[in-house]
Amino acid sequence: MEQRIEHSEIVNRPIRMVYNQWTQSEEFPRFMEGVKSVRQIDDTHQEWHAEIGGREVSWQAEIIDQVPDERIVWRSISGRRNGGKIEFREVGAGQTEVKLVMEYDPEGALEKAGDAMGVADRRVKGDLQRFKAFVESAPAETGAWRGEVHRGQTQGPDGNSGIR
């Protein structure tokens, strides 16, 4: 049965910095609990390795829609079934609301039991809180990718496709 998690945080940094940092998926293990690594394969594909419910799991994800300073939408294309979107909205001078919506299918009895107890919900909320702390404590983002993706097709910031 597919589950849905939704959380938001207000980050005390400008939208451009917050969005730019989120595009640096290889930094996710620094603030996402259980995520061991994320490898950016190309502009729209990532390989994830994580520990979930005490098990090592891997999957590939595809970014299907991305607009700088607005949103990033993804879905898994192998392994664990999941998908979602993260939206960015300026809410004040130097403040950005980050809203994450994620859908996933818990696997196995342990994950389903943990899900019933709200483990995944708390983990995602904690991940967003740690992202907020990470961005607010940094003098600048660790990188940026300002290209766009529409229906899985990439257009880089210079009008051409190109890796992040």
C-alpha atoms as a PDB file:
ATOM      1  CA  MET A   1       0.000   0.000   0.000  1.00  0.00           C
ATOM      2  CA  GLU A   2       1.476   3.321  -1.059  1.00  0.00           C
ATOM      3  CA  GLN A   3       2.180   5.806   1.727  1.00  0.00           C
ATOM      4  CA  ARG A   4       2.452   9.588   1.504  1.00  0.00           C
ATOM      5  CA  ILE A   5       4.558  11.907   3.653  1.00  0.00           C
ATOM      6  CA  GLU A   6       4.438  15.687   3.522  1.00  0.00           C
ATOM      7  CA  HIS A   7       6.561  18.155   5.506  1.00  0.00           C
ATOM      8  CA  SER A   8       7.760  21.707   5.158  1.00  0.00           C
ATOM      9  CA  GLU A   9      10.390  23.887   6.807  1.00  0.00           C
ATOM     10  CA  ILE A  10      11.196  27.576   6.663  1.00  0.00           C
ATOM     11  CA  VAL A  11      14.901  28.004   5.916  1.00  0.00           C
ATOM     12  CA  ASN A  12      16.475  31.329   6.813  1.00  0.00           C
ATOM     13  CA  ARG A  13      18.367  31.682   3.551  1.00  0.00           C
ATOM     14  CA  PRO A  14      17.513  33.096   0.086  1.00  0.00           C
ATOM     15  CA  ILE A  15      15.606  30.804  -2.270  1.00  0.00           C
ATOM     16  CA  ARG A  16      18.464  30.621  -4.795  1.00  0.00           C
ATOM     17  CA  MET A  17      20.926  29.329  -2.173  1.00  0.00           C
ATOM     18  CA  VAL A  18      18.425  26.815  -0.750  1.00  0.00           C
ATOM     19  CA  TYR A  19      17.466  25.481  -4.179  1.00  0.00           C
ATOM     20  CA  ASN A  20      21.101  25.337  -5.351  1.00  0.00           C
ATOM     21  CA  GLN A  21      22.073  23.283  -2.303  1.00  0.00           C
ATOM     22  CA  TRP A  22      19.233  20.810  -2.863  1.00  0.00           C
ATOM     23  CA  THR A  23      20.501  20.177  -6.415  1.00  0.00           C
ATOM     24  CA  GLN A  24      23.699  18.772  -4.884  1.00  0.00           C
ATOM     25  CA  SER A  25      22.299  15.283  -4.243  1.00  0.00           C
ATOM     26  CA  GLU A  26      25.704  13.784  -3.469  1.00  0.00           C
ATOM     27  CA  GLU A  27      25.601  15.867  -0.254  1.00  0.00           C
ATOM     28  CA  PHE A  28      22.338  14.199   0.918  1.00  0.00           C
ATOM     29  CA  PRO A  29      24.099  11.722   3.262  1.00  0.00           C
ATOM     30  CA  ARG A  30      25.239  14.725   5.322  1.00  0.00           C
ATOM     31  CA  PHE A  31      21.655  15.374   6.470  1.00  0.00           C
ATOM     32  CA  MET A  32      19.479  12.411   5.408  1.00  0.00           C
ATOM     33  CA  GLU A  33      19.304   9.656   7.996  1.00  0.00           C
ATOM     34  CA  GLY A  34      20.061   6.220   6.569  1.00  0.00           C
ATOM     35  CA  VAL A  35      21.274   7.500   3.187  1.00  0.00           C
ATOM     36  CA  LYS A  36      24.749   6.075   2.602  1.00  0.00           C
ATOM     37  CA  SER A  37      25.414   7.602  -0.827  1.00  0.00           C
ATOM     38  CA  VAL A  38      23.799   9.246  -3.821  1.00  0.00           C
ATOM     39  CA  ARG A  39      25.638   9.230  -7.127  1.00  0.00           C
ATOM     40  CA  GLN A  40      24.605  11.623  -9.880  1.00  0.00           C
ATOM     41  CA  ILE A  41      24.784   9.508 -13.046  1.00  0.00           C
ATOM     42  CA  ASP A  42      23.725  12.280 -15.437  1.00  0.00           C
ATOM     43  CA  ASP A  43      21.432  15.322 -15.363  1.00  0.00           C
ATOM     44  CA  THR A  44      18.312  13.276 -14.648  1.00  0.00           C
ATOM     45  CA  HIS A  45      19.474   9.992 -13.083  1.00  0.00           C
ATOM     46  CA  GLN A  46      20.757   9.129  -9.622  1.00  0.00           C
ATOM     47  CA  GLU A  47      21.814   5.942  -7.874  1.00  0.00           C
ATOM     48  CA  TRP A  48      20.873   5.741  -4.183  1.00  0.00           C
ATOM     49  CA  HIS A  49      22.273   3.473  -1.447  1.00  0.00           C
ATOM     50  CA  ALA A  50      20.618   3.515   1.969  1.00  0.00           C
ATOM     51  CA  GLU A  51      19.873   1.510   5.072  1.00  0.00           C
ATOM     52  CA  ILE A  52      16.156   1.079   5.684  1.00  0.00           C
ATOM     53  CA  GLY A  53      14.790  -1.102   8.442  1.00  0.00           C
ATOM     54  CA  GLY A  54      18.276  -2.480   9.085  1.00  0.00           C
ATOM     55  CA  ARG A  55      18.723  -3.587   5.459  1.00  0.00           C
ATOM     56  CA  GLU A  56      21.026  -2.193   2.786  1.00  0.00           C
ATOM     57  CA  VAL A  57      18.954  -1.169  -0.247  1.00  0.00           C
ATOM     58  CA  SER A  58      19.703   0.460  -3.604  1.00  0.00           C
ATOM     59  CA  TRP A  59      17.614   2.026  -6.320  1.00  0.00           C
ATOM     60  CA  GLN A  60      17.831   4.396  -9.241  1.00  0.00           C
ATOM     61  CA  ALA A  61      15.777   7.561  -9.475  1.00  0.00           C
ATOM     62  CA  GLU A  62      14.914   9.781 -12.405  1.00  0.00           C
ATOM     63  CA  ILE A  63      14.221  13.509 -12.231  1.00  0.00           C
ATOM     64  CA  ILE A  64      11.205  14.101 -14.460  1.00  0.00           C
ATOM     65  CA  ASP A  65      10.555  17.802 -13.818  1.00  0.00           C
ATOM     66  CA  GLN A  66      12.860  20.508 -12.515  1.00  0.00           C
ATOM     67  CA  VAL A  67      12.521  24.302 -12.558  1.00  0.00           C
ATOM     68  CA  PRO A  68      15.152  26.401 -10.757  1.00  0.00           C
ATOM     69  CA  ASP A  69      13.940  28.016  -7.529  1.00  0.00           C
ATOM     70  CA  GLU A  70      10.531  26.288  -7.892  1.00  0.00           C
ATOM     71  CA  ARG A  71      10.496  22.480  -7.820  1.00  0.00           C
ATOM     72  CA  ILE A  72      12.128  19.133  -8.473  1.00  0.00           C
ATOM     73  CA  VAL A  73       9.988  16.032  -9.179  1.00  0.00           C
ATOM     74  CA  TRP A  74      11.400  12.486  -9.210  1.00  0.00           C
ATOM     75  CA  ARG A  75      10.438   8.812  -9.338  1.00  0.00           C
ATOM     76  CA  SER A  76      12.297   5.577  -8.877  1.00  0.00           C
ATOM     77  CA  ILE A  77      12.996   3.582 -12.021  1.00  0.00           C
ATOM     78  CA  SER A  78      14.530   0.511 -10.374  1.00  0.00           C
ATOM     79  CA  GLY A  79      14.587  -1.065  -6.937  1.00  0.00           C
ATOM     80  CA  ARG A  80      12.477   0.549  -4.237  1.00  0.00           C
ATOM     81  CA  ARG A  81       9.269   2.165  -5.463  1.00  0.00           C
ATOM     82  CA  ASN A  82       9.154   5.839  -4.465  1.00  0.00           C
ATOM     83  CA  GLY A  83       8.704   9.286  -5.878  1.00  0.00           C
ATOM     84  CA  GLY A  84       7.835  12.799  -4.920  1.00  0.00           C
ATOM     85  CA  LYS A  85       8.538  16.465  -5.269  1.00  0.00           C
ATOM     86  CA  ILE A  86      10.244  19.233  -3.396  1.00  0.00           C
ATOM     87  CA  GLU A  87       8.996  22.778  -3.811  1.00  0.00           C
ATOM     88  CA  PHE A  88      10.710  26.059  -2.950  1.00  0.00           C
ATOM     89  CA  ARG A  89       8.823  29.263  -2.209  1.00  0.00           C
ATOM     90  CA  GLU A  90      10.132  32.624  -1.079  1.00  0.00           C
ATOM     91  CA  VAL A  91       8.231  33.603   2.085  1.00  0.00           C
ATOM     92  CA  GLY A  92      10.121  36.679   3.212  1.00  0.00           C
ATOM     93  CA  ALA A  93      13.357  38.551   2.892  1.00  0.00           C
ATOM     94  CA  GLY A  94      15.995  35.829   2.857  1.00  0.00           C
ATOM     95  CA  GLN A  95      13.520  33.088   3.855  1.00  0.00           C
ATOM     96  CA  THR A  96      12.463  30.064   1.836  1.00  0.00           C
ATOM     97  CA  GLU A  97       9.742  27.514   2.478  1.00  0.00           C
ATOM     98  CA  VAL A  98      10.860  24.018   1.477  1.00  0.00           C
ATOM     99  CA  LYS A  99       7.966  21.591   1.061  1.00  0.00           C
ATOM    100  CA  LEU A 100       8.631  17.884   0.505  1.00  0.00           C
ATOM    101  CA  VAL A 101       5.959  15.429  -0.633  1.00  0.00           C
ATOM    102  CA  MET A 102       7.055  11.806  -0.918  1.00  0.00           C
ATOM    103  CA  GLU A 103       5.218   8.614  -1.856  1.00  0.00           C
ATOM    104  CA  TYR A 104       6.653   5.157  -1.254  1.00  0.00           C
ATOM    105  CA  ASP A 105       5.770   1.511  -0.697  1.00  0.00           C
ATOM    106  CA  PRO A 106       7.049   0.014   2.565  1.00  0.00           C
ATOM    107  CA  GLU A 107       8.499  -3.466   2.014  1.00  0.00           C
ATOM    108  CA  GLY A 108       8.347  -6.354   4.444  1.00  0.00           C
ATOM    109  CA  ALA A 109       6.807  -6.717   7.892  1.00  0.00           C
ATOM    110  CA  LEU A 110       9.462  -4.654   9.700  1.00  0.00           C
ATOM    111  CA  GLU A 111       9.091  -1.648   7.403  1.00  0.00           C
ATOM    112  CA  LYS A 112       5.293  -1.877   7.505  1.00  0.00           C
ATOM    113  CA  ALA A 113       5.349  -1.999  11.312  1.00  0.00           C
ATOM    114  CA  GLY A 114       7.774   0.925  11.459  1.00  0.00           C
ATOM    115  CA  ASP A 115       5.586   2.833   9.045  1.00  0.00           C
ATOM    116  CA  ALA A 116       2.529   2.219  11.230  1.00  0.00           C
ATOM    117  CA  MET A 117       4.478   3.722  14.151  1.00  0.00           C
ATOM    118  CA  GLY A 118       5.406   6.807  12.118  1.00  0.00           C
ATOM    119  CA  VAL A 119       9.106   6.001  11.717  1.00  0.00           C
ATOM    120  CA  ALA A 120       9.304   7.129   8.061  1.00  0.00           C
ATOM    121  CA  ASP A 121       7.325  10.287   8.785  1.00  0.00           C
ATOM    122  CA  ARG A 122       9.678  11.254  11.634  1.00  0.00           C
ATOM    123  CA  ARG A 123      12.721  10.421   9.508  1.00  0.00           C
ATOM    124  CA  VAL A 124      11.627  12.692   6.655  1.00  0.00           C
ATOM    125  CA  LYS A 125      10.760  15.495   9.074  1.00  0.00           C
ATOM    126  CA  GLY A 126      14.180  15.104  10.702  1.00  0.00           C
ATOM    127  CA  ASP A 127      15.886  15.092   7.290  1.00  0.00           C
ATOM    128  CA  LEU A 128      14.264  18.424   6.412  1.00  0.00           C
ATOM    129  CA  GLN A 129      15.201  19.885   9.792  1.00  0.00           C
ATOM    130  CA  ARG A 130      18.815  18.748   9.302  1.00  0.00           C
ATOM    131  CA  PHE A 131      18.803  20.205   5.760  1.00  0.00           C
ATOM    132  CA  LYS A 132      17.632  23.526   7.232  1.00  0.00           C
ATOM    133  CA  ALA A 133      20.448  23.447   9.823  1.00  0.00           C
ATOM    134  CA  PHE A 134      22.978  22.428   7.138  1.00  0.00           C
ATOM    135  CA  VAL A 135      22.053  25.306   4.814  1.00  0.00           C
ATOM    136  CA  GLU A 136      21.728  27.889   7.585  1.00  0.00           C
ATOM    137  CA  SER A 137      25.166  27.035   8.987  1.00  0.00           C
ATOM    138  CA  ALA A 138      26.925  27.197   5.599  1.00  0.00           C
ATOM    139  CA  PRO A 139      28.424  30.421   4.263  1.00  0.00           C
ATOM    140  CA  ALA A 140      27.444  29.374   0.704  1.00  0.00           C
ATOM    141  CA  GLU A 141      25.974  26.421  -1.162  1.00  0.00           C
ATOM    142  CA  THR A 142      28.367  23.589  -2.063  1.00  0.00           C
ATOM    143  CA  GLY A 143      27.383  23.807  -5.738  1.00  0.00           C
ATOM    144  CA  ALA A 144      24.461  24.423  -8.062  1.00  0.00           C
ATOM    145  CA  TRP A 145      22.727  23.106 -11.149  1.00  0.00           C
ATOM    146  CA  ARG A 146      20.441  25.671 -12.772  1.00  0.00           C
ATOM    147  CA  GLY A 147      19.224  23.618 -15.732  1.00  0.00           C
ATOM    148  CA  GLU A 148      15.632  22.565 -16.307  1.00  0.00           C
ATOM    149  CA  VAL A 149      13.997  19.207 -16.871  1.00  0.00           C
ATOM    150  CA  HIS A 150      10.600  18.802 -18.518  1.00  0.00           C
ATOM    151  CA  ARG A 151       9.084  15.360 -19.125  1.00  0.00           C
ATOM    152  CA  GLY A 152      12.507  13.843 -18.454  1.00  0.00           C
ATOM    153  CA  GLN A 153      14.255  15.996 -21.098  1.00  0.00           C
ATOM    154  CA  THR A 154      17.097  18.211 -19.902  1.00  0.00           C
ATOM    155  CA  GLN A 155      17.875  21.768 -20.836  1.00  0.00           C
ATOM    156  CA  GLY A 156      21.019  23.074 -19.148  1.00  0.00           C
ATOM    157  CA  PRO A 157      21.371  26.648 -17.916  1.00  0.00           C
ATOM    158  CA  ASP A 158      23.127  27.529 -21.195  1.00  0.00           C
ATOM    159  CA  GLY A 159      20.309  26.074 -23.308  1.00  0.00           C
ATOM    160  CA  ASN A 160      22.183  22.793 -23.881  1.00  0.00           C
ATOM    161  CA  SER A 161      22.064  19.562 -21.958  1.00  0.00           C
ATOM    162  CA  GLY A 162      24.985  18.862 -19.705  1.00  0.00           C
ATOM    163  CA  ILE A 163      25.874  17.137 -16.452  1.00  0.00           C
ATOM    164  CA  ARG A 164      25.501  18.996 -13.174  1.00  0.00           C
END
